[in-house]
C-alpha atoms as a PDB file:
ATOM      1  CA  ALA A   1     -32.945  -0.221  22.863  1.00  0.00           C
ATOM      2  CA  ASN A   2     -36.219   0.441  20.917  1.00  0.00           C
ATOM      3  CA  VAL A   3     -36.520   1.614  17.513  1.00  0.00           C
ATOM      4  CA  SER A   4     -36.651   5.437  18.338  1.00  0.00           C
ATOM      5  CA  GLN A   5     -33.626   4.949  20.846  1.00  0.00           C
ATOM      6  CA  LEU A   6     -31.612   3.657  17.941  1.00  0.00           C
ATOM      7  CA  VAL A   7     -32.839   6.193  15.693  1.00  0.00           C
ATOM      8  CA  ASP A   8     -31.732   8.932  18.024  1.00  0.00           C
ATOM      9  CA  VAL A   9     -28.057   7.289  18.163  1.00  0.00           C
ATOM     10  CA  PHE A  10     -28.098   6.995  14.548  1.00  0.00           C
ATOM     11  CA  LYS A  11     -28.630  11.128  14.247  1.00  0.00           C
ATOM     12  CA  SER A  12     -25.614  11.632  16.345  1.00  0.00           C
ATOM     13  CA  SER A  13     -23.576  10.116  13.768  1.00  0.00           C
ATOM     14  CA  PHE A  14     -22.241  11.466  10.664  1.00  0.00           C
ATOM     15  CA  VAL A  15     -23.014   8.359   8.784  1.00  0.00           C
ATOM     16  CA  PHE A  16     -26.650   9.103   8.847  1.00  0.00           C
ATOM     17  CA  ASN A  17     -26.762  12.931   8.533  1.00  0.00           C
ATOM     18  CA  PHE A  18     -28.695  12.948   5.143  1.00  0.00           C
ATOM     19  CA  HIS A  19     -31.233   9.952   5.602  1.00  0.00           C
ATOM     20  CA  SER A  20     -34.857  10.433   6.318  1.00  0.00           C
ATOM     21  CA  ASP A  21     -36.665   9.264   9.543  1.00  0.00           C
ATOM     22  CA  ASP A  22     -38.351   6.510   7.540  1.00  0.00           C
ATOM     23  CA  VAL A  23     -34.911   4.848   6.155  1.00  0.00           C
ATOM     24  CA  LEU A  24     -33.388   5.464   9.863  1.00  0.00           C
ATOM     25  CA  GLU A  25     -36.417   3.481  11.288  1.00  0.00           C
ATOM     26  CA  ARG A  26     -35.992   0.812   8.651  1.00  0.00           C
ATOM     27  CA  LEU A  27     -32.276   0.550   9.571  1.00  0.00           C
ATOM     28  CA  ALA A  28     -32.934   0.255  13.216  1.00  0.00           C
ATOM     29  CA  ARG A  29     -35.016  -2.680  12.473  1.00  0.00           C
ATOM     30  CA  ALA A  30     -32.551  -4.187  10.612  1.00  0.00           C
ATOM     31  CA  THR A  31     -30.053  -4.255  13.556  1.00  0.00           C
ATOM     32  CA  TYR A  32     -29.231  -7.495  15.219  1.00  0.00           C
ATOM     33  CA  ARG A  33     -28.122  -7.854  18.821  1.00  0.00           C
ATOM     34  CA  ILE A  34     -24.575  -9.416  19.999  1.00  0.00           C
ATOM     35  CA  LYS A  35     -24.134 -10.405  23.631  1.00  0.00           C
ATOM     36  CA  ALA A  36     -20.638  -9.015  25.096  1.00  0.00           C
ATOM     37  CA  ASP A  37     -18.946 -10.699  27.996  1.00  0.00           C
ATOM     38  CA  LYS A  38     -16.648  -8.820  30.677  1.00  0.00           C
ATOM     39  CA  GLY A  39     -13.438  -8.497  29.030  1.00  0.00           C
ATOM     40  CA  GLN A  40     -14.324  -9.493  25.632  1.00  0.00           C
ATOM     41  CA  VAL A  41     -12.570  -7.573  22.749  1.00  0.00           C
ATOM     42  CA  VAL A  42     -15.335  -6.597  20.548  1.00  0.00           C
ATOM     43  CA  LEU A  43     -13.336  -4.967  18.059  1.00  0.00           C
ATOM     44  CA  ARG A  44      -9.514  -5.184  17.570  1.00  0.00           C
ATOM     45  CA  GLN A  45      -7.575  -2.167  16.036  1.00  0.00           C
ATOM     46  CA  ASN A  46      -6.189  -2.661  12.549  1.00  0.00           C
ATOM     47  CA  ASP A  47      -8.061  -5.920  12.184  1.00  0.00           C
ATOM     48  CA  LYS A  48      -8.226  -6.902   8.406  1.00  0.00           C
ATOM     49  CA  ASN A  49     -10.871  -9.440   9.066  1.00  0.00           C
ATOM     50  CA  ALA A  50     -12.981  -6.962  11.014  1.00  0.00           C
ATOM     51  CA  LEU A  51     -16.844  -6.573  10.121  1.00  0.00           C
ATOM     52  CA  ARG A  52     -17.513  -3.532   8.545  1.00  0.00           C
ATOM     53  CA  ALA A  53     -20.336  -2.518  11.012  1.00  0.00           C
ATOM     54  CA  PHE A  54     -21.764   0.284  13.052  1.00  0.00           C
ATOM     55  CA  TYR A  55     -22.081  -0.646  16.629  1.00  0.00           C
ATOM     56  CA  VAL A  56     -24.604   0.737  19.027  1.00  0.00           C
ATOM     57  CA  VAL A  57     -24.395   0.165  23.067  1.00  0.00           C
ATOM     58  CA  GLU A  58     -27.678  -1.088  24.098  1.00  0.00           C
ATOM     59  CA  SER A  59     -26.304  -2.131  27.531  1.00  0.00           C
ATOM     60  CA  GLY A  60     -22.967  -2.339  29.279  1.00  0.00           C
ATOM     61  CA  HIS A  61     -19.600  -0.071  29.205  1.00  0.00           C
ATOM     62  CA  TYR A  62     -17.280  -0.400  26.778  1.00  0.00           C
ATOM     63  CA  ILE A  63     -13.385   1.450  26.378  1.00  0.00           C
ATOM     64  CA  GLY A  64     -12.107   1.970  22.946  1.00  0.00           C
ATOM     65  CA  ARG A  65      -8.022   2.418  22.957  1.00  0.00           C
ATOM     66  CA  ASP A  66      -6.181   3.584  20.223  1.00  0.00           C
ATOM     67  CA  ASN A  67      -2.914   1.860  20.301  1.00  0.00           C
ATOM     68  CA  LEU A  68      -0.853   3.262  17.666  1.00  0.00           C
ATOM     69  CA  LYS A  69      -0.598   6.803  19.191  1.00  0.00           C
ATOM     70  CA  CYS A  70       1.596   5.611  22.003  1.00  0.00           C
ATOM     71  CA  GLY A  71       3.071   2.525  20.253  1.00  0.00           C
ATOM     72  CA  VAL A  72       2.006   0.152  22.854  1.00  0.00           C
ATOM     73  CA  ASP A  73       0.212  -3.026  23.701  1.00  0.00           C
ATOM     74  CA  ASP A  74      -3.779  -3.434  23.789  1.00  0.00           C
ATOM     75  CA  MET A  75      -4.297  -3.126  27.350  1.00  0.00           C
ATOM     76  CA  ASN A  76      -1.779  -0.390  28.597  1.00  0.00           C
ATOM     77  CA  GLU A  77      -3.670   2.128  30.662  1.00  0.00           C
ATOM     78  CA  SER A  78      -1.761   5.039  28.989  1.00  0.00           C
ATOM     79  CA  VAL A  79      -2.920   4.837  25.537  1.00  0.00           C
ATOM     80  CA  SER A  80      -5.656   7.211  24.110  1.00  0.00           C
ATOM     81  CA  THR A  81      -9.091   6.088  25.383  1.00  0.00           C
ATOM     82  CA  ARG A  82     -12.705   6.666  24.630  1.00  0.00           C
ATOM     83  CA  SER A  83     -15.413   5.439  26.863  1.00  0.00           C
ATOM     84  CA  TYR A  84     -19.057   4.122  25.447  1.00  0.00           C
ATOM     85  CA  GLY A  85     -22.089   3.334  27.132  1.00  0.00           C
ATOM     86  CA  LYS A  86     -22.019   5.256  30.209  1.00  0.00           C
ATOM     87  CA  GLU A  87     -24.132   8.736  30.955  1.00  0.00           C
ATOM     88  CA  GLY A  88     -22.534  11.461  28.819  1.00  0.00           C
ATOM     89  CA  ASP A  89     -20.762   8.988  26.406  1.00  0.00           C
ATOM     90  CA  ARG A  90     -21.090   8.556  22.835  1.00  0.00           C
ATOM     91  CA  MET A  91     -23.361   5.385  22.343  1.00  0.00           C
ATOM     92  CA  CYS A  92     -22.173   4.193  19.201  1.00  0.00           C
ATOM     93  CA  PHE A  93     -18.496   3.358  17.461  1.00  0.00           C
ATOM     94  CA  ASN A  94     -16.905   2.151  14.279  1.00  0.00           C
ATOM     95  CA  GLU A  95     -18.245   4.643  11.658  1.00  0.00           C
ATOM     96  CA  GLN A  96     -15.091   5.244   9.907  1.00  0.00           C
ATOM     97  CA  CYS A  97     -14.351   1.470   9.020  1.00  0.00           C
ATOM     98  CA  MET A  98     -17.762   0.926   7.979  1.00  0.00           C
ATOM     99  CA  ILE A  99     -18.429   3.987   5.590  1.00  0.00           C
ATOM    100  CA  HIS A 100     -14.595   4.261   4.477  1.00  0.00           C
ATOM    101  CA  ALA A 101     -13.445   0.801   4.295  1.00  0.00           C
ATOM    102  CA  GLN A 102     -10.709   1.807   6.644  1.00  0.00           C
ATOM    103  CA  LEU A 103      -9.371  -0.749   9.521  1.00  0.00           C
ATOM    104  CA  PRO A 104     -10.634  -0.172  12.950  1.00  0.00           C
ATOM    105  CA  HIS A 105      -9.145   2.647  14.391  1.00  0.00           C
ATOM    106  CA  GLU A 106      -9.400   1.452  18.064  1.00  0.00           C
ATOM    107  CA  THR A 107      -9.555  -1.832  19.992  1.00  0.00           C
ATOM    108  CA  VAL A 108     -12.843  -1.822  21.795  1.00  0.00           C
ATOM    109  CA  THR A 109     -13.180  -4.101  24.993  1.00  0.00           C
ATOM    110  CA  ALA A 110     -16.394  -4.845  27.101  1.00  0.00           C
ATOM    111  CA  GLU A 111     -15.566  -3.529  30.752  1.00  0.00           C
ATOM    112  CA  THR A 112     -18.840  -5.242  31.714  1.00  0.00           C
ATOM    113  CA  GLU A 113     -21.521  -7.646  30.463  1.00  0.00           C
ATOM    114  CA  GLY A 114     -23.531  -5.934  27.807  1.00  0.00           C
ATOM    115  CA  VAL A 115     -25.353  -6.169  24.684  1.00  0.00           C
ATOM    116  CA  LEU A 116     -24.789  -4.303  21.183  1.00  0.00           C
ATOM    117  CA  ARG A 117     -26.880  -3.555  18.407  1.00  0.00           C
ATOM    118  CA  VAL A 118     -25.183  -4.134  14.891  1.00  0.00           C
ATOM    119  CA  LEU A 119     -25.889  -2.816  11.752  1.00  0.00           C
ATOM    120  CA  ASP A 120     -23.576  -4.437   9.018  1.00  0.00           C
ATOM    121  CA  MET A 121     -22.491  -2.453   5.819  1.00  0.00           C
ATOM    122  CA  ALA A 122     -24.496  -4.820   3.487  1.00  0.00           C
ATOM    123  CA  THR A 123     -27.626  -4.194   5.202  1.00  0.00           C
ATOM    124  CA  PHE A 124     -26.988  -0.624   5.199  1.00  0.00           C
ATOM    125  CA  ASN A 125     -26.324  -0.589   1.636  1.00  0.00           C
ATOM    126  CA  ARG A 126     -29.313  -2.601   0.926  1.00  0.00           C
ATOM    127  CA  ILE A 127     -31.868  -0.311   2.793  1.00  0.00           C
ATOM    128  CA  ALA A 128     -30.278   3.057   2.663  1.00  0.00           C
ATOM    129  CA  ARG A 129     -28.007   3.285  -0.639  1.00  0.00           C
ATOM    130  CA  VAL A 130     -29.711   1.253  -3.253  1.00  0.00           C
ATOM    131  CA  GLN A 131     -32.822   2.680  -3.142  1.00  0.00           C
ATOM    132  CA  ASP A 132     -31.397   6.346  -3.756  1.00  0.00           C
ATOM    133  CA  ASP A 133     -28.356   5.322  -5.663  1.00  0.00           C
ATOM    134  CA  ASP A 134     -30.007   5.773  -9.310  1.00  0.00           C
ATOM    135  CA  ASP A 135     -31.495   9.217  -8.389  1.00  0.00           C
ATOM    136  CA  VAL A 136     -28.015  10.330  -6.907  1.00  0.00           C
ATOM    137  CA  VAL A 137     -26.133   9.104 -10.282  1.00  0.00           C
ATOM    138  CA  LYS A 138     -28.552  10.816 -12.423  1.00  0.00           C
ATOM    139  CA  LEU A 139     -28.505  14.032 -10.421  1.00  0.00           C
ATOM    140  CA  THR A 140     -24.518  13.980 -10.149  1.00  0.00           C
ATOM    141  CA  ARG A 141     -24.640  13.605 -14.013  1.00  0.00           C
ATOM    142  CA  ALA A 142     -26.624  16.713 -14.400  1.00  0.00           C
ATOM    143  CA  LEU A 143     -24.495  18.833 -12.014  1.00  0.00           C
ATOM    144  CA  ARG A 144     -21.382  17.937 -14.028  1.00  0.00           C
ATOM    145  CA  GLY A 145     -22.739  19.499 -16.957  1.00  0.00           C
ATOM    146  CA  VAL A 146     -23.557  23.051 -15.015  1.00  0.00           C
ATOM    147  CA  GLU A 147     -20.783  25.542 -16.137  1.00  0.00           C
ATOM    148  CA  THR A 148     -20.751  27.093 -12.531  1.00  0.00           C
ATOM    149  CA  LEU A 149     -20.053  23.623 -11.200  1.00  0.00           C
ATOM    150  CA  LYS A 150     -17.297  22.804 -13.432  1.00  0.00           C
ATOM    151  CA  THR A 151     -14.486  23.186 -10.898  1.00  0.00           C
ATOM    152  CA  ALA A 152     -16.139  21.192  -8.328  1.00  0.00           C
ATOM    153  CA  LYS A 153     -14.948  17.821  -7.352  1.00  0.00           C
ATOM    154  CA  LEU A 154     -16.872  14.817  -8.552  1.00  0.00           C
ATOM    155  CA  SER A 155     -17.115  13.552  -5.033  1.00  0.00           C
ATOM    156  CA  ASP A 156     -18.455  16.940  -3.916  1.00  0.00           C
ATOM    157  CA  LEU A 157     -21.004  16.862  -6.490  1.00  0.00           C
ATOM    158  CA  ARG A 158     -22.112  13.294  -5.546  1.00  0.00           C
ATOM    159  CA  MET A 159     -22.338  14.445  -1.735  1.00  0.00           C
ATOM    160  CA  ILE A 160     -24.452  17.500  -2.762  1.00  0.00           C
ATOM    161  CA  SER A 161     -26.571  15.011  -4.826  1.00  0.00           C
ATOM    162  CA  ALA A 162     -26.941  12.670  -2.006  1.00  0.00           C
ATOM    163  CA  GLN A 163     -28.058  15.463   0.302  1.00  0.00           C
ATOM    164  CA  VAL A 164     -30.784  16.614  -2.154  1.00  0.00           C
ATOM    165  CA  VAL A 165     -32.050  13.018  -2.502  1.00  0.00           C
ATOM    166  CA  ALA A 166     -31.956  12.373   0.915  1.00  0.00           C
ATOM    167  CA  ASN A 167     -33.931  15.548   1.442  1.00  0.00           C
ATOM    168  CA  ARG A 168     -36.630  14.717  -1.061  1.00  0.00           C
ATOM    169  CA  ALA A 169     -39.499  15.866   0.872  1.00  0.00           C
ATOM    170  CA  ASN A 170     -38.445  19.643   0.689  1.00  0.00           C
ATOM    171  CA  SER A 171     -36.189  19.245  -2.453  1.00  0.00           C
ATOM    172  CA  LEU A 172     -38.959  17.459  -4.820  1.00  0.00           C
ATOM    173  CA  SER A 173     -41.453  19.669  -6.224  1.00  0.00           C
ATOM    174  CA  TYR A 174     -44.523  18.639  -8.736  1.00  0.00           C
ATOM    175  CA  ALA A 175     -45.879  20.712 -11.953  1.00  0.00           C
ATOM    176  CA  ARG A 176     -49.090  20.005 -13.620  1.00  0.00           C
ATOM    177  CA  GLU A 177     -49.196  19.697 -17.377  1.00  0.00           C
ATOM    178  CA  ASN A 178     -49.267  23.312 -18.814  1.00  0.00           C
ATOM    179  CA  GLU A 179     -48.522  24.722 -15.565  1.00  0.00           C
ATOM    180  CA  ILE A 180     -46.032  27.614 -15.499  1.00  0.00           C
ATOM    181  CA  ILE A 181     -43.250  27.145 -13.138  1.00  0.00           C
ATOM    182  CA  ALA A 182     -41.371  30.249 -13.763  1.00  0.00           C
ATOM    183  CA  HIS A 183     -41.827  33.531 -15.707  1.00  0.00           C
ATOM    184  CA  GLN A 184     -39.570  35.279 -17.861  1.00  0.00           C
ATOM    185  CA  GLY A 185     -37.818  37.874 -15.838  1.00  0.00           C
ATOM    186  CA  GLN A 186     -38.886  36.384 -12.464  1.00  0.00           C
ATOM    187  CA  GLN A 187     -35.852  35.769  -9.947  1.00  0.00           C
ATOM    188  CA  LEU A 188     -35.049  32.312  -8.923  1.00  0.00           C
ATOM    189  CA  ASP A 189     -33.266  31.231  -5.898  1.00  0.00           C
ATOM    190  CA  ALA A 190     -32.561  27.794  -6.726  1.00  0.00           C
ATOM    191  CA  MET A 191     -31.369  25.742  -9.721  1.00  0.00           C
ATOM    192  CA  HIS A 192     -33.999  23.080 -10.909  1.00  0.00           C
ATOM    193  CA  VAL A 193     -33.101  19.539 -12.200  1.00  0.00           C
ATOM    194  CA  ILE A 194     -35.820  17.648 -13.983  1.00  0.00           C
ATOM    195  CA  LYS A 195     -36.518  14.245 -12.598  1.00  0.00           C
ATOM    196  CA  SER A 196     -39.372  13.142 -14.960  1.00  0.00           C
ATOM    197  CA  GLY A 197     -41.340  14.896 -17.720  1.00  0.00           C
ATOM    198  CA  ASP A 198     -40.805  17.417 -19.937  1.00  0.00           C
ATOM    199  CA  VAL A 199     -40.967  21.351 -20.172  1.00  0.00           C
ATOM    200  CA  ALA A 200     -40.850  24.088 -22.529  1.00  0.00           C
ATOM    201  CA  CYS A 201     -38.891  27.202 -22.275  1.00  0.00           C
ATOM    202  CA  THR A 202     -40.793  30.032 -24.116  1.00  0.00           C
ATOM    203  CA  VAL A 203     -40.215  33.586 -24.708  1.00  0.00           C
ATOM    204  CA  ARG A 204     -42.179  37.001 -25.452  1.00  0.00           C
ATOM    205  CA  ALA A 205     -40.395  39.999 -27.166  1.00  0.00           C
ATOM    206  CA  ASN A 206     -42.193  41.931 -24.393  1.00  0.00           C
ATOM    207  CA  ALA A 207     -42.181  40.045 -21.321  1.00  0.00           C
ATOM    208  CA  ARG A 208     -44.892  42.140 -19.920  1.00  0.00           C
ATOM    209  CA  ASP A 209     -47.498  41.768 -23.007  1.00  0.00           C
ATOM    210  CA  GLU A 210     -49.328  38.710 -22.043  1.00  0.00           C
ATOM    211  CA  SER A 211     -51.144  39.091 -25.439  1.00  0.00           C
ATOM    212  CA  GLU A 212     -48.384  38.106 -27.320  1.00  0.00           C
ATOM    213  CA  ILE A 213     -48.223  34.628 -27.780  1.00  0.00           C
ATOM    214  CA  PRO A 214     -44.884  33.046 -26.411  1.00  0.00           C
ATOM    215  CA  ARG A 215     -42.225  31.493 -28.685  1.00  0.00           C
ATOM    216  CA  VAL A 216     -40.963  28.188 -27.794  1.00  0.00           C
ATOM    217  CA  VAL A 217     -37.166  28.145 -27.837  1.00  0.00           C
ATOM    218  CA  LEU A 218     -35.986  25.211 -25.981  1.00  0.00           C
ATOM    219  CA  ARG A 219     -37.574  21.861 -24.634  1.00  0.00           C
ATOM    220  CA  LEU A 220     -35.953  20.131 -21.814  1.00  0.00           C
ATOM    221  CA  SER A 221     -36.453  16.743 -20.261  1.00  0.00           C
ATOM    222  CA  SER A 222     -35.031  14.301 -17.514  1.00  0.00           C
ATOM    223  CA  GLU A 223     -31.719  15.196 -16.106  1.00  0.00           C
ATOM    224  CA  GLN A 224     -31.738  18.487 -17.896  1.00  0.00           C
ATOM    225  CA  TYR A 225     -31.925  21.857 -15.732  1.00  0.00           C
ATOM    226  CA  PHE A 226     -32.831  25.253 -15.637  1.00  0.00           C
ATOM    227  CA  GLY A 227     -32.262  28.265 -13.152  1.00  0.00           C
ATOM    228  CA  GLU A 228     -28.464  27.548 -12.878  1.00  0.00           C
ATOM    229  CA  ARG A 229     -27.927  31.140 -12.706  1.00  0.00           C
ATOM    230  CA  ALA A 230     -29.268  31.248  -9.259  1.00  0.00           C
ATOM    231  CA  LEU A 231     -25.928  29.544  -8.292  1.00  0.00           C
ATOM    232  CA  SER A 232     -24.015  32.610  -9.097  1.00  0.00           C
ATOM    233  CA  GLY A 233     -26.414  35.080  -7.508  1.00  0.00           C
ATOM    234  CA  THR A 234     -27.950  36.130 -10.666  1.00  0.00           C
ATOM    235  CA  GLY A 235     -31.190  34.141 -10.968  1.00  0.00           C
ATOM    236  CA  VAL A 236     -33.171  36.103 -13.234  1.00  0.00           C
ATOM    237  CA  CYS A 237     -35.131  33.579 -15.443  1.00  0.00           C
ATOM    238  CA  ALA A 238     -34.561  34.277 -19.274  1.00  0.00           C
ATOM    239  CA  THR A 239     -37.470  32.392 -20.471  1.00  0.00           C
ATOM    240  CA  ASN A 240     -40.897  31.153 -19.033  1.00  0.00           C
ATOM    241  CA  ILE A 241     -40.772  27.598 -17.921  1.00  0.00           C
ATOM    242  CA  GLN A 242     -43.736  25.602 -18.541  1.00  0.00           C
ATOM    243  CA  ALA A 243     -44.530  21.900 -17.821  1.00  0.00           C
ATOM    244  CA  ILE A 244     -45.797  19.962 -21.154  1.00  0.00           C
ATOM    245  CA  SER A 245     -45.928  16.556 -19.738  1.00  0.00           C
END
């Protein structure tokens, strides 16, 4: 499998839903090959020593057997089975074990000789998680301070933060010094969290009178936010928002 084929398989799994193509390509290049002989057990259900890893089928045919549902031995034909590697099959397995630290939920056996690509958890963390972790932590911390989100679970806020960070190509915007980001009375359709720099919140007694010198009422910096009213559907900006650094 080449890099683009591996990326396509990654995109079929929930594990990689919020990662950019650049990160997926780096993950693909970090996979390694293992050969599977016919009849070899690649992964054993409930194995406490199983490698926390994501497996992609490069060649061969594999059967995953869930034995707990029927309470029978590994190779019994009546157990719940999944097929990997044939046309129309899923081409990957073991996501739950890697991401959620669960024991393997099935025994996977090679029905033919084949080759698997392996992405282990340590490599996944090094490439996909560590580089984003600081931004995710900071954004989650900011979201926890928003009144509208007070009832949200921490895990949900972290998931939202991870999505925003992973989608930085669309979610990150830049403002030049002295640029007006939003005007008093303007309808905002999104909340904004400051990643770096400072902004001033200014008001005029008459928002339409541009001859009036605006008065600074608040300064905001990294991890602070504005436009949170947009989350409750009333996103009218109460002040002018101007970048000052």
